[in-house]
Amino acid sequence: MKDYWIWDPSVIKGEDGRYHMFASRWSKQYGFGNWVTNSEVVRAISDTAEGPYEFVEVVLPARGKQYFDGCTTHNPRIVKNGDYYVLYYFGNNYDEPNPSFTENVWESGLGQKAWMHKRIGMAYSKSIAGPWKRVDQPILNPRKGEWDASITSNPSPVVLPNGKVYLVYKSSPVNYNPPLLLGAAQADSFLGPYRRLSDKPIFSFHTDQNHENDVEDPFVWYNGQQFELIMKDRYGKICGEEGGGIHAYSKDGIDWHLSKSVKAYSKTIQWDDGTTSHQANFERPFLLFENGKPTHLFAATGDGSEPYQFERTWNMVIPLKSI
């Protein structure tokens, strides 16, 4: 899709035996920053986990400003829960007219307004090909006056052996400025209701003097004995690399601990032709599991000399070595 910015990989093996990637896209007639105002969730398929993936359809299009997710859908995460495929994402809307191709939404202020309207939504289907039933209300809302007062975003769900859903999400106390924080919620069924497991964030790395020490882009899983999680170290003050990955673990999903070997991944990538590059961005990490084992690491990346200054973006995949 050369005419689109691509982001947010999430992959699952469908009932047809093929690999289905859910991702975000928005037209390159807009700037990259229009992810917050013009993104839509799409589906692509491949015969192998490593691709190439071929675009099939738009799954979650804009559907009108009367809906909480009427303007934008982004950050998809796909899971299988019983007989249903369940697609988590964030959606937003805004009262202002849709931006023109020439409008810089972060200079006009629309980007900030749209960001503050981010809410986690969910759609479900018995077939990976749909049709998808979208819920009409957010599954988790911000809480006024709390650490998660601004948004709910970046959902990372886990279906537990008992059928319950554990969900990690991103928010912040005020707005898009640091610190960004992660919280945890749980539901007895994917249909909800989703209840927070703690009134506090599950990670707090910042101090009152230094807010620029935080994380985002969680991917969480349950290994049968405990929860594990990888996430992006935004400023590199935890794992030692700005934008690098952190690994953590938890017995109950509330009390989390950083691993002794805390660095989970690097933005320095070795490609299949033997070359190596240091990517400006390596975001939205996603692990594909088969037979209970992680087999591939997916991430969003792009060609650019500086973070978020891209000529093109794509979702990459790294086969994991067996241990």
Protein backbone atom coordinates (compact mmCIF):
# COMPACT_ATOMS: atom_id res chain seq x y z
CA MET A 1 0.00 0.00 0.00
CA LYS A 2 2.50 2.58 -1.23
CA ASP A 3 -0.03 5.42 -1.01
CA TYR A 4 -0.62 4.91 2.72
CA TRP A 5 1.19 5.25 5.98
CA ILE A 6 1.17 1.81 7.67
CA TRP A 7 1.39 1.13 11.43
CA ASP A 8 0.23 -1.12 14.29
CA PRO A 9 0.72 -4.80 13.33
CA SER A 10 -1.37 -7.49 15.03
CA VAL A 11 -1.45 -10.98 13.53
CA ILE A 12 -3.52 -14.11 14.09
CA LYS A 13 -3.95 -17.43 12.29
CA GLY A 14 -7.51 -17.63 11.00
CA GLU A 15 -9.89 -20.54 10.61
CA ASP A 16 -8.66 -20.75 7.00
CA GLY A 17 -5.11 -21.56 8.14
CA ARG A 18 -3.77 -18.27 6.77
CA TYR A 19 -2.21 -15.39 8.68
CA HIS A 20 -4.30 -12.27 9.05
CA MET A 21 -2.67 -8.96 9.91
CA PHE A 22 -4.77 -6.17 11.36
CA ALA A 23 -3.07 -2.82 10.98
CA SER A 24 -3.66 0.92 10.81
CA ARG A 25 -3.41 2.96 7.64
CA TRP A 26 -4.08 6.55 6.53
CA SER A 27 -3.50 8.27 3.22
CA LYS A 28 -0.08 9.72 2.44
CA GLN A 29 -1.92 12.72 1.05
CA TYR A 30 -1.93 13.62 4.75
CA GLY A 31 1.16 13.96 6.89
CA PHE A 32 2.25 11.12 9.14
CA GLY A 33 0.88 13.04 12.13
CA ASN A 34 -2.66 12.51 10.87
CA TRP A 35 -2.71 9.05 12.45
CA VAL A 36 -4.70 10.74 15.20
CA THR A 37 -7.38 12.13 12.86
CA ASN A 38 -7.53 9.92 9.76
CA SER A 39 -6.44 6.36 10.59
CA GLU A 40 -8.56 3.30 9.84
CA VAL A 41 -8.04 -0.35 10.77
CA VAL A 42 -7.53 -2.75 7.86
CA ARG A 43 -6.89 -6.46 7.31
CA ALA A 44 -4.27 -8.14 5.12
CA ILE A 45 -3.52 -11.85 4.61
CA SER A 46 -0.55 -14.10 3.93
CA ASP A 47 0.12 -17.81 3.61
CA THR A 48 3.08 -17.47 5.99
CA ALA A 49 3.70 -15.45 9.14
CA GLU A 50 6.59 -13.67 7.45
CA GLY A 51 4.48 -12.44 4.56
CA PRO A 52 4.17 -10.75 2.22
CA TYR A 53 0.72 -9.62 3.35
CA GLU A 54 -1.89 -8.62 0.79
CA PHE A 55 -4.50 -5.99 1.60
CA VAL A 56 -8.04 -7.38 1.79
CA GLU A 57 -10.38 -4.82 3.33
CA VAL A 58 -11.02 -1.91 5.63
CA VAL A 59 -12.38 -3.46 8.83
CA LEU A 60 -13.16 -0.39 10.96
CA PRO A 61 -13.88 2.62 8.73
CA ALA A 62 -15.01 6.05 9.87
CA ARG A 63 -18.70 5.79 10.72
CA GLY A 64 -19.91 9.26 11.71
CA LYS A 65 -19.25 11.73 14.47
CA GLN A 66 -22.21 10.53 16.51
CA TYR A 67 -19.99 7.60 17.57
CA PHE A 68 -17.03 7.75 19.95
CA ASP A 69 -14.93 6.09 17.23
CA GLY A 70 -16.58 7.87 14.33
CA CYS A 71 -13.51 9.63 12.91
CA THR A 72 -10.50 7.42 13.65
CA THR A 73 -9.64 3.81 14.48
CA HIS A 74 -6.06 2.89 15.42
CA ASN A 75 -3.90 0.55 17.55
CA PRO A 76 -5.64 -2.76 16.67
CA ARG A 77 -5.01 -5.89 18.72
CA ILE A 78 -6.65 -9.16 17.64
CA VAL A 79 -7.29 -12.20 19.90
CA LYS A 80 -9.40 -15.35 19.77
CA ASN A 81 -11.83 -15.78 22.67
CA GLY A 82 -13.87 -18.96 22.50
CA ASP A 83 -15.83 -18.94 19.25
CA TYR A 84 -15.11 -15.27 18.55
CA TYR A 85 -12.33 -13.21 17.11
CA VAL A 86 -12.15 -10.04 19.19
CA LEU A 87 -10.55 -6.88 17.84
CA TYR A 88 -9.52 -4.20 20.34
CA TYR A 89 -8.52 -0.71 19.21
CA PHE A 90 -8.85 2.92 20.12
CA GLY A 91 -11.27 5.21 18.37
CA ASN A 92 -11.93 8.93 18.54
CA ASN A 93 -14.04 11.72 17.13
CA TYR A 94 -13.89 15.50 17.03
CA ASP A 95 -16.36 18.30 16.37
CA GLU A 96 -14.17 20.17 13.90
CA PRO A 97 -14.36 19.56 10.12
CA ASN A 98 -12.18 16.78 8.79
CA PRO A 99 -8.68 18.11 8.07
CA SER A 100 -7.60 19.10 4.59
CA PHE A 101 -4.60 17.44 2.97
CA THR A 102 -2.50 20.55 3.63
CA GLU A 103 -3.47 21.04 7.28
CA ASN A 104 -0.85 20.24 9.90
CA VAL A 105 -3.19 18.98 12.60
CA TRP A 106 -0.63 19.40 15.38
CA GLU A 107 -0.08 23.05 14.45
CA SER A 108 -3.79 23.79 14.05
CA GLY A 109 -4.64 22.17 17.40
CA LEU A 110 -6.90 19.49 15.93
CA GLY A 111 -4.35 16.78 16.67
CA GLN A 112 -4.34 17.64 20.36
CA LYS A 113 -8.15 17.71 20.51
CA ALA A 114 -8.44 14.37 18.71
CA TRP A 115 -5.77 12.84 20.98
CA MET A 116 -7.79 13.75 24.07
CA HIS A 117 -10.81 11.90 22.66
CA LYS A 118 -9.04 8.53 22.37
CA ARG A 119 -11.11 5.71 23.87
CA ILE A 120 -10.71 1.93 23.73
CA GLY A 121 -13.30 0.14 21.63
CA MET A 122 -13.93 -3.44 20.59
CA ALA A 123 -15.43 -5.39 17.70
CA TYR A 124 -16.09 -9.11 17.40
CA SER A 125 -16.91 -11.73 14.79
CA LYS A 126 -17.20 -15.51 14.50
CA SER A 127 -15.19 -15.34 11.28
CA ILE A 128 -11.86 -13.64 10.74
CA ALA A 129 -13.41 -12.22 7.57
CA GLY A 130 -16.33 -10.63 9.44
CA PRO A 131 -18.87 -9.21 9.55
CA TRP A 132 -17.68 -7.35 12.65
CA LYS A 133 -20.00 -6.12 15.38
CA ARG A 134 -18.64 -2.86 16.79
CA VAL A 135 -19.66 -1.79 20.27
CA ASP A 136 -21.17 1.69 20.36
CA GLN A 137 -19.60 2.80 23.65
CA PRO A 138 -15.99 2.66 24.90
CA ILE A 139 -15.19 -0.42 26.95
CA LEU A 140 -13.07 1.69 29.32
CA ASN A 141 -13.34 5.42 29.96
CA PRO A 142 -10.94 7.88 31.63
CA ARG A 143 -11.51 8.84 35.25
CA LYS A 144 -11.63 12.51 36.14
CA GLY A 145 -9.05 13.52 38.71
CA GLU A 146 -7.14 10.23 38.54
CA TRP A 147 -3.85 9.20 36.92
CA ASP A 148 -5.82 8.05 33.85
CA ALA A 149 -7.94 11.19 33.45
CA SER A 150 -7.05 11.96 29.83
CA ILE A 151 -7.64 8.94 27.55
CA THR A 152 -7.78 5.17 27.25
CA SER A 153 -5.57 3.86 24.47
CA ASN A 154 -3.04 1.25 23.30
CA PRO A 155 -5.07 -1.80 24.42
CA SER A 156 -3.20 -5.05 25.01
CA PRO A 157 -5.61 -7.91 25.83
CA VAL A 158 -4.92 -11.43 27.07
CA VAL A 159 -7.52 -14.20 27.12
CA LEU A 160 -6.90 -16.20 30.29
CA PRO A 161 -7.47 -19.97 30.63
CA ASN A 162 -10.71 -19.31 32.53
CA GLY A 163 -12.04 -17.14 29.69
CA LYS A 164 -11.57 -13.85 31.49
CA VAL A 165 -9.85 -10.99 29.67
CA TYR A 166 -6.91 -9.14 31.19
CA LEU A 167 -6.28 -5.76 29.54
CA VAL A 168 -3.36 -3.35 29.79
CA TYR A 169 -4.02 0.19 28.58
CA LYS A 170 -2.27 3.56 28.29
CA SER A 171 -3.35 6.88 29.76
CA SER A 172 -1.99 9.99 31.49
CA PRO A 173 -3.02 12.44 34.21
CA VAL A 174 -3.52 15.50 32.00
CA ASN A 175 -2.73 15.20 28.29
CA TYR A 176 -0.19 13.96 25.74
CA ASN A 177 2.78 15.37 27.69
CA PRO A 178 4.81 12.92 29.80
CA PRO A 179 4.44 10.91 31.86
CA LEU A 180 2.46 8.34 29.91
CA LEU A 181 1.35 5.52 32.20
CA LEU A 182 -0.07 2.00 31.96
CA GLY A 183 -2.99 0.50 33.87
CA ALA A 184 -4.70 -2.88 34.10
CA ALA A 185 -8.33 -3.94 33.87
CA GLN A 186 -10.18 -7.25 33.68
CA ALA A 187 -13.54 -8.57 32.47
CA ASP A 188 -15.30 -11.89 32.98
CA SER A 189 -16.26 -11.85 29.29
CA PHE A 190 -14.89 -9.97 26.31
CA LEU A 191 -18.23 -8.13 26.22
CA GLY A 192 -17.38 -6.62 29.61
CA PRO A 193 -17.78 -4.83 31.86
CA TYR A 194 -14.06 -4.04 32.22
CA ARG A 195 -13.05 -3.16 35.77
CA ARG A 196 -9.73 -1.72 36.84
CA LEU A 197 -7.64 -4.05 38.97
CA SER A 198 -5.96 -1.16 40.76
CA ASP A 199 -6.53 2.57 41.18
CA LYS A 200 -2.84 3.12 40.48
CA PRO A 201 -0.78 2.63 37.31
CA ILE A 202 1.11 -0.64 37.07
CA PHE A 203 4.36 1.22 36.27
CA SER A 204 5.62 4.62 37.49
CA PHE A 205 9.16 5.47 36.43
CA HIS A 206 8.92 9.27 36.48
CA THR A 207 9.57 11.65 39.36
CA ASP A 208 8.08 15.04 40.21
CA GLN A 209 11.29 16.61 38.93
CA ASN A 210 11.58 14.49 35.78
CA HIS A 211 8.48 13.41 33.90
CA GLU A 212 10.49 12.26 30.86
CA ASN A 213 10.89 8.71 32.05
CA ASP A 214 7.94 6.68 30.88
CA VAL A 215 6.68 3.83 28.70
CA GLU A 216 4.03 2.98 26.12
CA ASP A 217 3.10 0.34 23.52
CA PRO A 218 2.58 -2.62 25.87
CA PHE A 219 2.25 -6.18 24.64
CA VAL A 220 1.26 -8.60 27.39
CA TRP A 221 0.79 -12.37 27.50
CA TYR A 222 0.21 -15.14 30.05
CA ASN A 223 2.68 -18.03 29.99
CA GLY A 224 0.59 -20.40 32.12
CA GLN A 225 2.23 -19.38 35.38
CA GLN A 226 2.64 -15.61 35.22
CA PHE A 227 2.12 -12.57 33.05
CA GLU A 228 4.91 -11.22 30.87
CA LEU A 229 5.07 -7.92 29.06
CA ILE A 230 7.22 -6.00 26.62
CA MET A 231 6.88 -2.26 26.15
CA LYS A 232 8.66 0.74 24.67
CA ASP A 233 11.09 2.77 26.78
CA ARG A 234 10.27 6.20 25.37
CA TYR A 235 13.35 8.05 26.63
CA GLY A 236 15.76 5.16 27.11
CA LYS A 237 16.25 5.75 30.81
CA ILE A 238 15.20 2.23 31.81
CA CYS A 239 16.77 -0.11 29.24
CA GLY A 240 19.50 2.27 28.04
CA GLU A 241 18.20 2.81 24.50
CA GLU A 242 15.68 5.48 23.55
CA GLY A 243 12.74 3.65 22.02
CA GLY A 244 14.16 0.25 22.94
CA GLY A 245 12.13 -2.51 24.56
CA ILE A 246 11.64 -3.44 28.22
CA HIS A 247 10.64 -6.83 29.64
CA ALA A 248 8.66 -7.24 32.87
CA TYR A 249 6.72 -9.97 34.66
CA SER A 250 3.92 -10.30 37.22
CA LYS A 251 2.16 -13.08 39.12
CA ASP A 252 -1.17 -11.26 39.42
CA GLY A 253 -1.12 -8.62 36.68
CA ILE A 254 -1.04 -5.83 39.28
CA ASP A 255 2.38 -6.01 40.95
CA TRP A 256 4.93 -5.88 38.14
CA HIS A 257 8.71 -6.32 38.24
CA LEU A 258 11.36 -5.45 35.67
CA SER A 259 13.37 -8.45 34.53
CA LYS A 260 17.01 -8.69 35.53
CA SER A 261 17.85 -8.59 31.83
CA VAL A 262 15.49 -5.70 31.28
CA LYS A 263 16.19 -4.96 27.61
CA ALA A 264 13.81 -6.94 25.41
CA TYR A 265 14.71 -5.61 21.96
CA SER A 266 16.71 -2.93 20.17
CA LYS A 267 16.03 -0.55 17.30
CA THR A 268 19.17 -1.93 15.64
CA ILE A 269 17.87 -4.47 13.14
CA GLN A 270 19.64 -7.18 11.15
CA TRP A 271 17.82 -7.74 7.86
CA ASP A 272 17.58 -10.99 5.93
CA ASP A 273 20.12 -9.74 3.37
CA GLY A 274 22.74 -9.51 6.12
CA THR A 275 22.72 -5.73 6.46
CA THR A 276 22.13 -3.90 9.72
CA SER A 277 20.39 -0.59 10.36
CA HIS A 278 19.41 1.49 13.36
CA GLN A 279 15.76 2.40 12.88
CA ALA A 280 14.51 5.80 14.01
CA ASN A 281 11.35 4.06 15.23
CA PHE A 282 10.51 0.50 16.31
CA GLU A 283 7.02 0.71 17.77
CA ARG A 284 3.85 -1.19 18.68
CA PRO A 285 5.67 -4.51 19.30
CA PHE A 286 3.52 -7.60 18.83
CA LEU A 287 4.45 -11.23 19.44
CA LEU A 288 2.84 -14.01 17.41
CA PHE A 289 2.40 -17.22 19.40
CA GLU A 290 1.98 -20.68 17.91
CA ASN A 291 1.53 -23.77 20.09
CA GLY A 292 2.11 -21.59 23.13
CA LYS A 293 5.51 -20.32 21.98
CA PRO A 294 6.43 -16.89 20.56
CA THR A 295 7.59 -17.34 16.97
CA HIS A 296 7.70 -13.85 15.45
CA LEU A 297 8.10 -10.27 16.65
CA PHE A 298 6.22 -7.66 14.63
CA ALA A 299 6.71 -3.90 14.88
CA ALA A 300 5.95 -0.68 13.05
CA THR A 301 8.92 1.12 11.54
CA GLY A 302 9.86 3.44 8.69
CA ASP A 303 12.52 5.09 6.57
CA GLY A 304 13.57 8.35 8.16
CA SER A 305 16.58 10.08 9.69
CA GLU A 306 14.66 11.20 12.79
CA PRO A 307 11.77 9.73 14.78
CA TYR A 308 8.41 10.29 13.07
CA GLN A 309 10.02 12.02 10.08
CA PHE A 310 9.28 9.37 7.48
CA GLU A 311 9.38 8.89 3.76
CA ARG A 312 7.50 5.62 4.16
CA THR A 313 6.40 3.29 6.95
CA TRP A 314 5.65 -0.41 7.15
CA ASN A 315 5.05 -3.29 9.55
CA MET A 316 8.11 -5.49 9.87
CA VAL A 317 8.48 -9.04 11.17
CA ILE A 318 11.43 -10.72 12.88
CA PRO A 319 11.46 -14.54 13.12
CA LEU A 320 12.53 -15.56 16.62
CA LYS A 321 15.21 -18.16 17.18
CA SER A 322 14.19 -21.30 19.03
CA ILE A 323 15.80 -21.70 22.44
